Amino acid sequence: MYKYLFFDFDGTICDTSEGIYKTFREVFPQLGLDVDERLYSRYIGPPLSDTFYSYLKDKDKAYEAVALFRSVYTSKYIGTTKLYDGIARAFGYLSRNGFKVCVATCKKHEEAVALLKKFGIYDCVTFTSGLCYNVRETKREVLQYALDEMNISADECVMIGDTDFDVDGAAQVGMDCIVCKWGFGDYANMKQNNIVYFASTPDDVVGFVTKE
């Protein structure tokens, strides 16, 4: 059914929540913002510039906040990232069996590539499309860049992610979406027409895309 499988990163390939939450706890107060920690999970998925703009209401200040976040996160907390159980097995199986495993993320491109290499799954990945500020920032832009660069059609592809941002971005480029229930999304309220499956584990994803 699908040849190209586009995996989101945060909440789909890796659990990055510990490092992201710790970074927010440092950065929000430095920006003079008092943000309820119960809201933090909402900010795993969308571009950080959107998150900070929603509070600061100024594009330049939002990008300055992103730079601060990146500095704290990469210097202190990126090492807390954990690969989800079953992802390495799924990537290996899919890549050996004719599927093109790709990554489409609003995580900074260089960070995503570095972490894929750290966890030993980079060689399974055909193409990585990550965030590049002022070039591609939304999930739609990240996916469209991949489609254009690979010269492929959206109907050959499926987005695999955990949040509405993944589902909506996929819909905007004409792509189906598999929702991963081990991440950070509000699954009970996801009703978009392009959702074709709700997966509870990476093995479920493999089973769905390989079924006859």
N, C-alpha and C. Protein backbone atom coordinates (compact mmCIF):
# COMPACT_ATOMS: atom_id res chain seq x y z
N MET A 1 0.83 -1.20 0.00
CA MET A 1 0.00 0.00 0.00
C MET A 1 0.86 1.26 0.00
N TYR A 2 1.90 1.28 0.84
CA TYR A 2 2.79 2.43 0.95
C TYR A 2 4.23 1.98 0.72
N LYS A 3 4.99 2.79 0.00
CA LYS A 3 6.41 2.50 -0.21
C LYS A 3 7.29 3.34 0.70
N TYR A 4 6.86 4.60 0.94
CA TYR A 4 7.66 5.54 1.72
C TYR A 4 6.98 5.79 3.06
N LEU A 5 7.71 5.52 4.14
CA LEU A 5 7.16 5.63 5.49
C LEU A 5 7.86 6.79 6.20
N PHE A 6 7.11 7.87 6.46
CA PHE A 6 7.69 9.06 7.08
C PHE A 6 7.39 9.07 8.58
N PHE A 7 8.42 8.85 9.36
CA PHE A 7 8.28 8.83 10.81
C PHE A 7 8.58 10.20 11.40
N ASP A 8 7.71 10.66 12.28
CA ASP A 8 8.01 11.80 13.13
C ASP A 8 9.13 11.40 14.09
N PHE A 9 9.73 12.36 14.77
CA PHE A 9 10.82 12.03 15.70
C PHE A 9 10.36 12.06 17.16
N ASP A 10 10.13 13.26 17.70
CA ASP A 10 9.74 13.37 19.11
C ASP A 10 8.39 12.72 19.34
N GLY A 11 8.34 11.75 20.24
CA GLY A 11 7.09 11.09 20.54
C GLY A 11 6.75 9.93 19.63
N THR A 12 7.61 9.67 18.64
CA THR A 12 7.38 8.57 17.71
C THR A 12 8.61 7.67 17.63
N ILE A 13 9.76 8.24 17.29
CA ILE A 13 11.01 7.48 17.30
C ILE A 13 11.62 7.48 18.70
N CYS A 14 11.64 8.65 19.29
CA CYS A 14 12.30 8.80 20.59
C CYS A 14 11.40 9.52 21.59
N ASP A 15 11.60 9.17 22.86
CA ASP A 15 11.00 9.91 23.97
C ASP A 15 11.98 11.00 24.37
N THR A 16 11.68 12.21 23.99
CA THR A 16 12.55 13.36 24.27
C THR A 16 11.99 14.22 25.40
N SER A 17 10.94 13.73 26.05
CA SER A 17 10.20 14.59 26.98
C SER A 17 11.04 15.05 28.17
N GLU A 18 11.88 14.18 28.73
CA GLU A 18 12.64 14.56 29.92
C GLU A 18 13.51 15.79 29.65
N GLY A 19 14.27 15.74 28.56
CA GLY A 19 15.15 16.86 28.24
C GLY A 19 14.39 18.11 27.86
N ILE A 20 13.29 17.95 27.13
CA ILE A 20 12.50 19.11 26.73
C ILE A 20 11.85 19.77 27.93
N TYR A 21 11.29 18.97 28.84
CA TYR A 21 10.65 19.53 30.03
C TYR A 21 11.67 20.26 30.90
N LYS A 22 12.83 19.67 31.09
CA LYS A 22 13.86 20.31 31.91
C LYS A 22 14.32 21.63 31.28
N THR A 23 14.40 21.64 29.94
CA THR A 23 14.81 22.88 29.26
C THR A 23 13.74 23.95 29.41
N PHE A 24 12.47 23.59 29.25
CA PHE A 24 11.41 24.57 29.44
C PHE A 24 11.44 25.13 30.87
N ARG A 25 11.72 24.29 31.85
CA ARG A 25 11.75 24.76 33.24
C ARG A 25 12.82 25.82 33.45
N GLU A 26 13.89 25.75 32.67
CA GLU A 26 14.94 26.77 32.77
C GLU A 26 14.63 27.99 31.91
N VAL A 27 14.15 27.74 30.71
CA VAL A 27 14.04 28.82 29.72
C VAL A 27 12.84 29.73 29.97
N PHE A 28 11.68 29.16 30.28
CA PHE A 28 10.50 30.01 30.47
C PHE A 28 10.74 31.09 31.54
N PRO A 29 11.28 30.75 32.73
CA PRO A 29 11.53 31.81 33.71
C PRO A 29 12.54 32.85 33.23
N GLN A 30 13.55 32.41 32.46
CA GLN A 30 14.52 33.37 31.93
C GLN A 30 13.88 34.36 30.97
N LEU A 31 12.77 33.95 30.37
CA LEU A 31 12.03 34.84 29.46
C LEU A 31 10.95 35.64 30.18
N GLY A 32 10.89 35.47 31.50
CA GLY A 32 9.87 36.17 32.28
C GLY A 32 8.50 35.56 32.15
N LEU A 33 8.43 34.27 31.78
CA LEU A 33 7.16 33.60 31.57
C LEU A 33 6.89 32.58 32.66
N ASP A 34 5.68 32.58 33.16
CA ASP A 34 5.25 31.60 34.16
C ASP A 34 4.25 30.66 33.47
N VAL A 35 4.75 29.50 33.04
CA VAL A 35 3.95 28.57 32.24
C VAL A 35 3.69 27.30 33.05
N ASP A 36 2.45 26.92 33.11
CA ASP A 36 2.05 25.71 33.83
C ASP A 36 2.72 24.49 33.20
N GLU A 37 3.43 23.71 34.00
CA GLU A 37 4.14 22.55 33.48
C GLU A 37 3.20 21.51 32.88
N ARG A 38 1.95 21.54 33.25
CA ARG A 38 0.99 20.60 32.68
C ARG A 38 0.75 20.87 31.20
N LEU A 39 1.17 22.03 30.72
CA LEU A 39 1.02 22.38 29.31
C LEU A 39 2.21 21.93 28.46
N TYR A 40 3.30 21.52 29.09
CA TYR A 40 4.53 21.27 28.35
C TYR A 40 4.36 20.23 27.25
N SER A 41 3.55 19.20 27.50
CA SER A 41 3.41 18.14 26.50
C SER A 41 2.82 18.66 25.19
N ARG A 42 2.09 19.76 25.27
CA ARG A 42 1.51 20.34 24.05
C ARG A 42 2.59 20.90 23.12
N TYR A 43 3.75 21.17 23.67
CA TYR A 43 4.79 21.84 22.92
C TYR A 43 5.81 20.87 22.35
N ILE A 44 5.54 19.57 22.46
CA ILE A 44 6.36 18.57 21.79
C ILE A 44 5.65 18.21 20.49
N GLY A 45 6.18 18.67 19.41
CA GLY A 45 5.54 18.44 18.10
C GLY A 45 5.57 19.67 17.22
N PRO A 46 4.96 20.78 17.67
CA PRO A 46 4.96 21.98 16.82
C PRO A 46 6.33 22.66 16.83
N PRO A 47 6.60 23.53 15.86
CA PRO A 47 7.86 24.28 15.87
C PRO A 47 7.99 25.10 17.15
N LEU A 48 9.19 25.13 17.72
CA LEU A 48 9.41 25.91 18.93
C LEU A 48 9.12 27.39 18.72
N SER A 49 9.37 27.87 17.51
CA SER A 49 9.11 29.29 17.24
C SER A 49 7.63 29.61 17.42
N ASP A 50 6.75 28.68 17.06
CA ASP A 50 5.32 28.89 17.26
C ASP A 50 4.98 28.92 18.75
N THR A 51 5.59 28.01 19.50
CA THR A 51 5.34 27.96 20.95
C THR A 51 5.73 29.27 21.61
N PHE A 52 6.92 29.74 21.33
CA PHE A 52 7.37 30.97 21.99
C PHE A 52 6.63 32.20 21.46
N TYR A 53 6.27 32.20 20.19
CA TYR A 53 5.51 33.32 19.65
C TYR A 53 4.15 33.44 20.32
N SER A 54 3.55 32.30 20.68
CA SER A 54 2.23 32.32 21.32
C SER A 54 2.27 33.07 22.65
N TYR A 55 3.44 33.15 23.26
CA TYR A 55 3.58 33.89 24.52
C TYR A 55 4.18 35.28 24.32
N LEU A 56 5.16 35.38 23.43
CA LEU A 56 5.91 36.63 23.30
C LEU A 56 5.32 37.60 22.28
N LYS A 57 4.52 37.07 21.33
CA LYS A 57 3.83 37.90 20.33
C LYS A 57 4.78 38.76 19.51
N ASP A 58 5.99 38.28 19.33
CA ASP A 58 6.98 39.01 18.56
C ASP A 58 7.89 37.97 17.88
N LYS A 59 7.97 38.00 16.55
CA LYS A 59 8.70 36.97 15.83
C LYS A 59 10.18 36.96 16.18
N ASP A 60 10.80 38.15 16.24
CA ASP A 60 12.23 38.21 16.55
C ASP A 60 12.51 37.68 17.95
N LYS A 61 11.67 38.04 18.91
CA LYS A 61 11.86 37.56 20.28
C LYS A 61 11.63 36.05 20.36
N ALA A 62 10.70 35.57 19.55
CA ALA A 62 10.44 34.13 19.53
C ALA A 62 11.66 33.36 19.03
N TYR A 63 12.30 33.86 18.00
CA TYR A 63 13.50 33.20 17.49
C TYR A 63 14.66 33.31 18.47
N GLU A 64 14.74 34.42 19.19
CA GLU A 64 15.76 34.54 20.24
C GLU A 64 15.51 33.51 21.34
N ALA A 65 14.24 33.30 21.66
CA ALA A 65 13.89 32.31 22.67
C ALA A 65 14.24 30.90 22.18
N VAL A 66 14.02 30.64 20.91
CA VAL A 66 14.38 29.35 20.34
C VAL A 66 15.89 29.12 20.46
N ALA A 67 16.67 30.15 20.15
CA ALA A 67 18.12 30.02 20.25
C ALA A 67 18.55 29.71 21.69
N LEU A 68 17.90 30.35 22.65
CA LEU A 68 18.19 30.07 24.07
C LEU A 68 17.82 28.63 24.40
N PHE A 69 16.65 28.22 23.96
CA PHE A 69 16.21 26.84 24.22
C PHE A 69 17.21 25.85 23.64
N ARG A 70 17.61 26.05 22.39
CA ARG A 70 18.53 25.13 21.73
C ARG A 70 19.87 25.07 22.48
N SER A 71 20.34 26.21 22.95
CA SER A 71 21.60 26.25 23.66
C SER A 71 21.54 25.43 24.95
N VAL A 72 20.47 25.61 25.70
CA VAL A 72 20.31 24.87 26.96
C VAL A 72 20.10 23.39 26.68
N TYR A 73 19.23 23.09 25.74
CA TYR A 73 18.88 21.69 25.45
C TYR A 73 20.08 20.90 24.96
N THR A 74 20.80 21.44 23.98
CA THR A 74 21.91 20.68 23.39
C THR A 74 23.11 20.58 24.33
N SER A 75 23.31 21.57 25.19
CA SER A 75 24.47 21.54 26.08
C SER A 75 24.22 20.73 27.35
N LYS A 76 22.94 20.55 27.73
CA LYS A 76 22.67 19.92 29.03
C LYS A 76 21.76 18.71 28.98
N TYR A 77 20.81 18.66 28.05
CA TYR A 77 19.74 17.68 28.20
C TYR A 77 19.49 16.76 27.00
N ILE A 78 20.14 16.99 25.88
CA ILE A 78 19.87 16.15 24.72
C ILE A 78 20.20 14.69 25.00
N GLY A 79 21.15 14.47 25.92
CA GLY A 79 21.55 13.12 26.26
C GLY A 79 20.50 12.32 27.01
N THR A 80 19.41 12.97 27.43
CA THR A 80 18.35 12.25 28.13
C THR A 80 17.39 11.56 27.16
N THR A 81 17.57 11.78 25.87
CA THR A 81 16.69 11.20 24.86
C THR A 81 16.75 9.67 24.90
N LYS A 82 15.60 9.04 24.80
CA LYS A 82 15.51 7.58 24.84
C LYS A 82 14.80 7.06 23.58
N LEU A 83 15.38 6.05 22.97
CA LEU A 83 14.75 5.39 21.84
C LEU A 83 13.60 4.52 22.33
N TYR A 84 12.44 4.63 21.70
CA TYR A 84 11.31 3.80 22.11
C TYR A 84 11.59 2.33 21.80
N ASP A 85 11.13 1.47 22.70
CA ASP A 85 11.25 0.03 22.49
C ASP A 85 10.57 -0.37 21.18
N GLY A 86 11.26 -1.17 20.39
CA GLY A 86 10.70 -1.68 19.15
C GLY A 86 11.00 -0.86 17.92
N ILE A 87 11.48 0.36 18.08
CA ILE A 87 11.74 1.21 16.92
C ILE A 87 12.91 0.68 16.09
N ALA A 88 14.00 0.33 16.74
CA ALA A 88 15.17 -0.18 16.00
C ALA A 88 14.80 -1.46 15.25
N ARG A 89 14.05 -2.34 15.89
CA ARG A 89 13.62 -3.57 15.24
C ARG A 89 12.72 -3.27 14.03
N ALA A 90 11.79 -2.34 14.21
CA ALA A 90 10.88 -1.97 13.13
C ALA A 90 11.63 -1.34 11.96
N PHE A 91 12.54 -0.42 12.25
CA PHE A 91 13.30 0.23 11.18
C PHE A 91 14.12 -0.81 10.40
N GLY A 92 14.77 -1.70 11.13
CA GLY A 92 15.58 -2.71 10.47
C GLY A 92 14.75 -3.62 9.59
N TYR A 93 13.63 -4.08 10.10
CA TYR A 93 12.77 -4.98 9.32
C TYR A 93 12.22 -4.28 8.08
N LEU A 94 11.71 -3.08 8.26
CA LEU A 94 11.11 -2.36 7.14
C LEU A 94 12.13 -2.06 6.05
N SER A 95 13.32 -1.61 6.45
CA SER A 95 14.34 -1.27 5.46
C SER A 95 14.86 -2.49 4.72
N ARG A 96 14.85 -3.65 5.39
CA ARG A 96 15.30 -4.89 4.73
C ARG A 96 14.25 -5.47 3.80
N ASN A 97 13.02 -5.00 3.94
CA ASN A 97 11.92 -5.61 3.20
C ASN A 97 11.27 -4.66 2.19
N GLY A 98 12.08 -3.78 1.65
CA GLY A 98 11.65 -3.01 0.49
C GLY A 98 11.00 -1.67 0.77
N PHE A 99 10.82 -1.33 2.05
CA PHE A 99 10.22 -0.03 2.38
C PHE A 99 11.32 1.04 2.49
N LYS A 100 10.95 2.26 2.15
CA LYS A 100 11.86 3.39 2.31
C LYS A 100 11.49 4.11 3.60
N VAL A 101 12.30 3.89 4.62
CA VAL A 101 12.07 4.51 5.93
C VAL A 101 12.62 5.93 5.89
N CYS A 102 11.77 6.91 6.18
CA CYS A 102 12.16 8.32 6.14
C CYS A 102 11.78 8.98 7.47
N VAL A 103 12.38 10.12 7.73
CA VAL A 103 12.07 10.88 8.94
C VAL A 103 11.63 12.28 8.52
N ALA A 104 10.49 12.72 9.07
CA ALA A 104 9.97 14.06 8.81
C ALA A 104 9.63 14.67 10.16
N THR A 105 10.39 15.68 10.56
CA THR A 105 10.28 16.18 11.92
C THR A 105 10.43 17.69 11.98
N CYS A 106 9.76 18.29 12.96
CA CYS A 106 9.96 19.71 13.24
C CYS A 106 11.07 19.91 14.27
N LYS A 107 11.82 18.85 14.54
CA LYS A 107 13.06 18.95 15.29
C LYS A 107 14.13 19.47 14.33
N LYS A 108 15.08 20.22 14.84
CA LYS A 108 16.13 20.76 13.99
C LYS A 108 16.83 19.62 13.25
N HIS A 109 17.03 19.79 11.96
CA HIS A 109 17.54 18.72 11.11
C HIS A 109 18.81 18.09 11.67
N GLU A 110 19.76 18.91 12.07
CA GLU A 110 21.04 18.39 12.54
C GLU A 110 20.89 17.58 13.82
N GLU A 111 19.99 18.00 14.69
CA GLU A 111 19.75 17.25 15.93
C GLU A 111 19.16 15.89 15.63
N ALA A 112 18.20 15.86 14.73
CA ALA A 112 17.56 14.59 14.37
C ALA A 112 18.58 13.61 13.80
N VAL A 113 19.41 14.08 12.88
CA VAL A 113 20.41 13.21 12.26
C VAL A 113 21.40 12.69 13.31
N ALA A 114 21.84 13.57 14.19
CA ALA A 114 22.79 13.16 15.22
C ALA A 114 22.21 12.08 16.12
N LEU A 115 20.95 12.21 16.48
CA LEU A 115 20.32 11.22 17.36
C LEU A 115 20.06 9.91 16.62
N LEU A 116 19.67 9.97 15.37
CA LEU A 116 19.51 8.75 14.59
C LEU A 116 20.82 7.98 14.53
N LYS A 117 21.92 8.69 14.38
CA LYS A 117 23.23 8.04 14.35
C LYS A 117 23.59 7.49 15.73
N LYS A 118 23.31 8.25 16.77
CA LYS A 118 23.62 7.81 18.13
C LYS A 118 22.95 6.48 18.44
N PHE A 119 21.70 6.32 18.01
CA PHE A 119 20.96 5.11 18.34
C PHE A 119 21.12 4.00 17.30
N GLY A 120 22.00 4.22 16.33
CA GLY A 120 22.36 3.17 15.40
C GLY A 120 21.30 2.83 14.36
N ILE A 121 20.41 3.77 14.07
CA ILE A 121 19.36 3.48 13.09
C ILE A 121 19.44 4.38 11.85
N TYR A 122 20.46 5.21 11.80
CA TYR A 122 20.58 6.14 10.67
C TYR A 122 20.73 5.40 9.35
N ASP A 123 21.43 4.28 9.35
CA ASP A 123 21.66 3.54 8.12
C ASP A 123 20.38 2.91 7.57
N CYS A 124 19.34 2.83 8.40
CA CYS A 124 18.04 2.31 7.94
C CYS A 124 17.22 3.38 7.23
N VAL A 125 17.64 4.63 7.36
CA VAL A 125 16.83 5.77 6.90
C VAL A 125 17.26 6.22 5.51
N THR A 126 16.30 6.30 4.61
CA THR A 126 16.56 6.73 3.23
C THR A 126 16.68 8.24 3.12
N PHE A 127 15.85 8.98 3.87
CA PHE A 127 15.83 10.44 3.75
C PHE A 127 15.37 11.05 5.06
N THR A 128 16.03 12.12 5.47
CA THR A 128 15.63 12.85 6.67
C THR A 128 15.31 14.29 6.30
N SER A 129 14.11 14.72 6.67
CA SER A 129 13.71 16.11 6.46
C SER A 129 13.39 16.71 7.82
N GLY A 130 14.25 17.61 8.26
CA GLY A 130 14.06 18.25 9.55
C GLY A 130 13.87 19.75 9.41
N LEU A 131 13.59 20.38 10.52
CA LEU A 131 13.34 21.82 10.55
C LEU A 131 14.59 22.59 10.17
N CYS A 132 14.40 23.63 9.37
CA CYS A 132 15.44 24.60 9.04
C CYS A 132 14.79 25.97 9.13
N TYR A 133 15.20 26.76 10.10
CA TYR A 133 14.50 28.02 10.39
C TYR A 133 14.52 28.96 9.19
N ASN A 134 13.34 29.56 8.96
CA ASN A 134 13.10 30.50 7.86
C ASN A 134 13.15 29.82 6.49
N VAL A 135 13.21 28.49 6.45
CA VAL A 135 13.18 27.74 5.20
C VAL A 135 12.01 26.76 5.23
N ARG A 136 12.02 25.86 6.21
CA ARG A 136 10.91 24.92 6.42
C ARG A 136 10.76 24.72 7.93
N GLU A 137 9.58 25.01 8.42
CA GLU A 137 9.36 24.96 9.86
C GLU A 137 8.14 24.13 10.24
N THR A 138 7.09 24.18 9.45
CA THR A 138 5.87 23.43 9.78
C THR A 138 5.98 22.00 9.27
N LYS A 139 5.13 21.12 9.77
CA LYS A 139 5.15 19.74 9.29
C LYS A 139 4.79 19.68 7.80
N ARG A 140 3.88 20.53 7.35
CA ARG A 140 3.57 20.56 5.92
C ARG A 140 4.82 20.89 5.11
N GLU A 141 5.57 21.89 5.53
CA GLU A 141 6.76 22.31 4.79
C GLU A 141 7.83 21.22 4.82
N VAL A 142 7.99 20.57 5.96
CA VAL A 142 8.97 19.50 6.09
C VAL A 142 8.62 18.34 5.16
N LEU A 143 7.33 17.98 5.12
CA LEU A 143 6.90 16.89 4.25
C LEU A 143 6.99 17.27 2.78
N GLN A 144 6.57 18.49 2.43
CA GLN A 144 6.62 18.91 1.03
C GLN A 144 8.05 18.95 0.53
N TYR A 145 8.97 19.38 1.37
CA TYR A 145 10.39 19.38 1.00
C TYR A 145 10.85 17.96 0.66
N ALA A 146 10.46 17.00 1.49
CA ALA A 146 10.85 15.61 1.23
C ALA A 146 10.25 15.09 -0.07
N LEU A 147 8.98 15.37 -0.29
CA LEU A 147 8.33 14.92 -1.53
C LEU A 147 9.03 15.52 -2.75
N ASP A 148 9.35 16.80 -2.66
CA ASP A 148 10.00 17.47 -3.80
C ASP A 148 11.41 16.95 -4.04
N GLU A 149 12.17 16.81 -2.96
CA GLU A 149 13.56 16.37 -3.10
C GLU A 149 13.66 14.93 -3.58
N MET A 150 12.73 14.09 -3.15
CA MET A 150 12.74 12.68 -3.53
C MET A 150 11.98 12.42 -4.83
N ASN A 151 11.25 13.45 -5.29
CA ASN A 151 10.45 13.35 -6.52
C ASN A 151 9.48 12.18 -6.45
N ILE A 152 8.69 12.16 -5.37
CA ILE A 152 7.72 11.10 -5.16
C ILE A 152 6.34 11.71 -4.92
N SER A 153 5.32 10.88 -5.03
CA SER A 153 3.95 11.32 -4.85
C SER A 153 3.46 10.99 -3.45
N ALA A 154 2.61 11.85 -2.90
CA ALA A 154 2.09 11.64 -1.55
C ALA A 154 1.29 10.35 -1.43
N ASP A 155 0.68 9.90 -2.52
CA ASP A 155 -0.13 8.68 -2.41
C ASP A 155 0.71 7.41 -2.30
N GLU A 156 2.03 7.55 -2.44
CA GLU A 156 2.94 6.43 -2.19
C GLU A 156 3.41 6.38 -0.73
N CYS A 157 2.97 7.37 0.06
CA CYS A 157 3.57 7.62 1.37
C CYS A 157 2.53 7.57 2.49
N VAL A 158 3.04 7.36 3.70
CA VAL A 158 2.22 7.52 4.89
C VAL A 158 3.07 8.21 5.96
N MET A 159 2.45 9.14 6.67
CA MET A 159 3.07 9.80 7.81
C MET A 159 2.78 8.97 9.05
N ILE A 160 3.78 8.78 9.89
CA ILE A 160 3.64 8.02 11.13
C ILE A 160 4.04 8.93 12.27
N GLY A 161 3.06 9.38 13.05
CA GLY A 161 3.35 10.36 14.10
C GLY A 161 2.34 10.30 15.22
N ASP A 162 2.58 11.14 16.23
CA ASP A 162 1.79 11.01 17.47
C ASP A 162 0.88 12.19 17.77
N THR A 163 0.95 13.27 17.01
CA THR A 163 0.16 14.45 17.36
C THR A 163 -0.67 14.94 16.18
N ASP A 164 -1.59 15.86 16.49
CA ASP A 164 -2.39 16.50 15.44
C ASP A 164 -1.53 17.22 14.42
N PHE A 165 -0.37 17.69 14.84
CA PHE A 165 0.52 18.39 13.91
C PHE A 165 0.98 17.45 12.81
N ASP A 166 1.22 16.19 13.17
CA ASP A 166 1.61 15.20 12.16
C ASP A 166 0.44 14.88 11.25
N VAL A 167 -0.73 14.68 11.84
CA VAL A 167 -1.92 14.33 11.07
C VAL A 167 -2.29 15.47 10.12
N ASP A 168 -2.32 16.67 10.64
CA ASP A 168 -2.71 17.83 9.82
C ASP A 168 -1.68 18.13 8.74
N GLY A 169 -0.40 18.05 9.09
CA GLY A 169 0.64 18.29 8.09
C GLY A 169 0.57 17.30 6.96
N ALA A 170 0.31 16.04 7.30
CA ALA A 170 0.16 15.01 6.28
C ALA A 170 -1.04 15.31 5.38
N ALA A 171 -2.14 15.69 6.00
CA ALA A 171 -3.34 16.00 5.22
C ALA A 171 -3.10 17.15 4.24
N GLN A 172 -2.32 18.12 4.65
CA GLN A 172 -2.08 19.29 3.82
C GLN A 172 -1.27 18.97 2.57
N VAL A 173 -0.52 17.87 2.60
CA VAL A 173 0.22 17.48 1.39
C VAL A 173 -0.42 16.27 0.71
N GLY A 174 -1.60 15.84 1.19
CA GLY A 174 -2.32 14.74 0.58
C GLY A 174 -1.86 13.37 1.00
N MET A 175 -1.35 13.26 2.23
CA MET A 175 -0.76 12.01 2.70
C MET A 175 -1.62 11.40 3.80
N ASP A 176 -1.74 10.08 3.81
CA ASP A 176 -2.39 9.37 4.92
C ASP A 176 -1.51 9.44 6.17
N CYS A 177 -2.12 9.08 7.31
CA CYS A 177 -1.36 9.14 8.56
C CYS A 177 -1.71 7.95 9.46
N ILE A 178 -0.69 7.33 10.03
CA ILE A 178 -0.82 6.35 11.10
C ILE A 178 -0.49 7.07 12.40
N VAL A 179 -1.38 6.98 13.37
CA VAL A 179 -1.18 7.65 14.66
C VAL A 179 -0.55 6.67 15.65
N CYS A 180 0.54 7.11 16.28
CA CYS A 180 1.26 6.31 17.26
C CYS A 180 0.79 6.69 18.66
N LYS A 181 0.21 5.75 19.35
CA LYS A 181 -0.41 6.04 20.64
C LYS A 181 0.57 6.00 21.81
N TRP A 182 1.87 5.83 21.54
CA TRP A 182 2.86 5.83 22.63
C TRP A 182 3.49 7.20 22.82
N GLY A 183 3.05 8.19 22.08
CA GLY A 183 3.66 9.51 22.16
C GLY A 183 2.89 10.49 23.02
N PHE A 184 2.68 11.70 22.50
CA PHE A 184 2.15 12.80 23.30
C PHE A 184 0.83 13.36 22.81
N GLY A 185 0.19 12.69 21.86
CA GLY A 185 -1.03 13.23 21.27
C GLY A 185 -2.28 12.99 22.09
N ASP A 186 -3.30 13.76 21.76
CA ASP A 186 -4.64 13.59 22.35
C ASP A 186 -5.43 12.67 21.43
N TYR A 187 -5.16 11.37 21.55
CA TYR A 187 -5.66 10.40 20.58
C TYR A 187 -7.17 10.28 20.57
N ALA A 188 -7.78 10.45 21.73
CA ALA A 188 -9.24 10.28 21.81
C ALA A 188 -9.98 11.30 20.96
N ASN A 189 -9.36 12.44 20.72
CA ASN A 189 -10.04 13.51 19.98
C ASN A 189 -9.54 13.67 18.55
N MET A 190 -8.73 12.72 18.08
CA MET A 190 -8.26 12.78 16.70
C MET A 190 -9.29 12.16 15.78
N LYS A 191 -9.80 12.94 14.86
CA LYS A 191 -10.86 12.45 13.99
C LYS A 191 -10.64 12.84 12.53
N GLN A 192 -9.41 13.24 12.18
CA GLN A 192 -9.16 13.67 10.82
C GLN A 192 -9.34 12.52 9.83
N ASN A 193 -9.81 12.87 8.64
CA ASN A 193 -10.16 11.86 7.64
C ASN A 193 -8.97 11.09 7.10
N ASN A 194 -7.76 11.64 7.21
CA ASN A 194 -6.60 10.95 6.64
C ASN A 194 -5.96 9.95 7.60
N ILE A 195 -6.51 9.78 8.80
CA ILE A 195 -5.99 8.76 9.72
C ILE A 195 -6.45 7.39 9.24
N VAL A 196 -5.49 6.49 9.00
CA VAL A 196 -5.84 5.16 8.51
C VAL A 196 -5.67 4.07 9.58
N TYR A 197 -4.99 4.41 10.68
CA TYR A 197 -4.74 3.38 11.70
C TYR A 197 -4.20 4.05 12.96
N PHE A 198 -4.57 3.49 14.11
CA PHE A 198 -4.01 3.86 15.41
C PHE A 198 -3.14 2.70 15.88
N ALA A 199 -1.85 2.94 16.04
CA ALA A 199 -0.90 1.89 16.43
C ALA A 199 -0.52 2.05 17.90
N SER A 200 -0.51 0.94 18.62
CA SER A 200 -0.12 0.96 20.03
C SER A 200 1.37 0.70 20.23
N THR A 201 2.02 0.07 19.26
CA THR A 201 3.45 -0.25 19.34
C THR A 201 4.07 -0.11 17.95
N PRO A 202 5.39 0.00 17.88
CA PRO A 202 6.04 -0.02 16.56
C PRO A 202 5.76 -1.30 15.78
N ASP A 203 5.62 -2.42 16.48
CA ASP A 203 5.28 -3.67 15.80
C ASP A 203 3.92 -3.57 15.11
N ASP A 204 2.99 -2.83 15.71
CA ASP A 204 1.69 -2.61 15.08
C ASP A 204 1.83 -1.87 13.76
N VAL A 205 2.74 -0.90 13.72
CA VAL A 205 2.98 -0.16 12.47
C VAL A 205 3.48 -1.12 11.41
N VAL A 206 4.46 -1.95 11.77
CA VAL A 206 4.99 -2.93 10.82
C VAL A 206 3.88 -3.84 10.31
N GLY A 207 3.07 -4.34 11.23
CA GLY A 207 1.98 -5.23 10.85
C GLY A 207 1.01 -4.57 9.89
N PHE A 208 0.71 -3.30 10.12
CA PHE A 208 -0.26 -2.61 9.27
C PHE A 208 0.28 -2.36 7.87
N VAL A 209 1.51 -1.89 7.77
CA VAL A 209 2.03 -1.53 6.43
C VAL A 209 2.46 -2.76 5.63
N THR A 210 2.64 -3.90 6.28
CA THR A 210 3.06 -5.10 5.56
C THR A 210 1.91 -6.06 5.30
N LYS A 211 0.71 -5.75 5.77
CA LYS A 211 -0.40 -6.67 5.55
C LYS A 211 -0.76 -6.73 4.09
N GLU A 212 -1.24 -7.86 3.69
CA GLU A 212 -1.64 -8.04 2.28
C GLU A 212 -2.92 -7.29 2.01
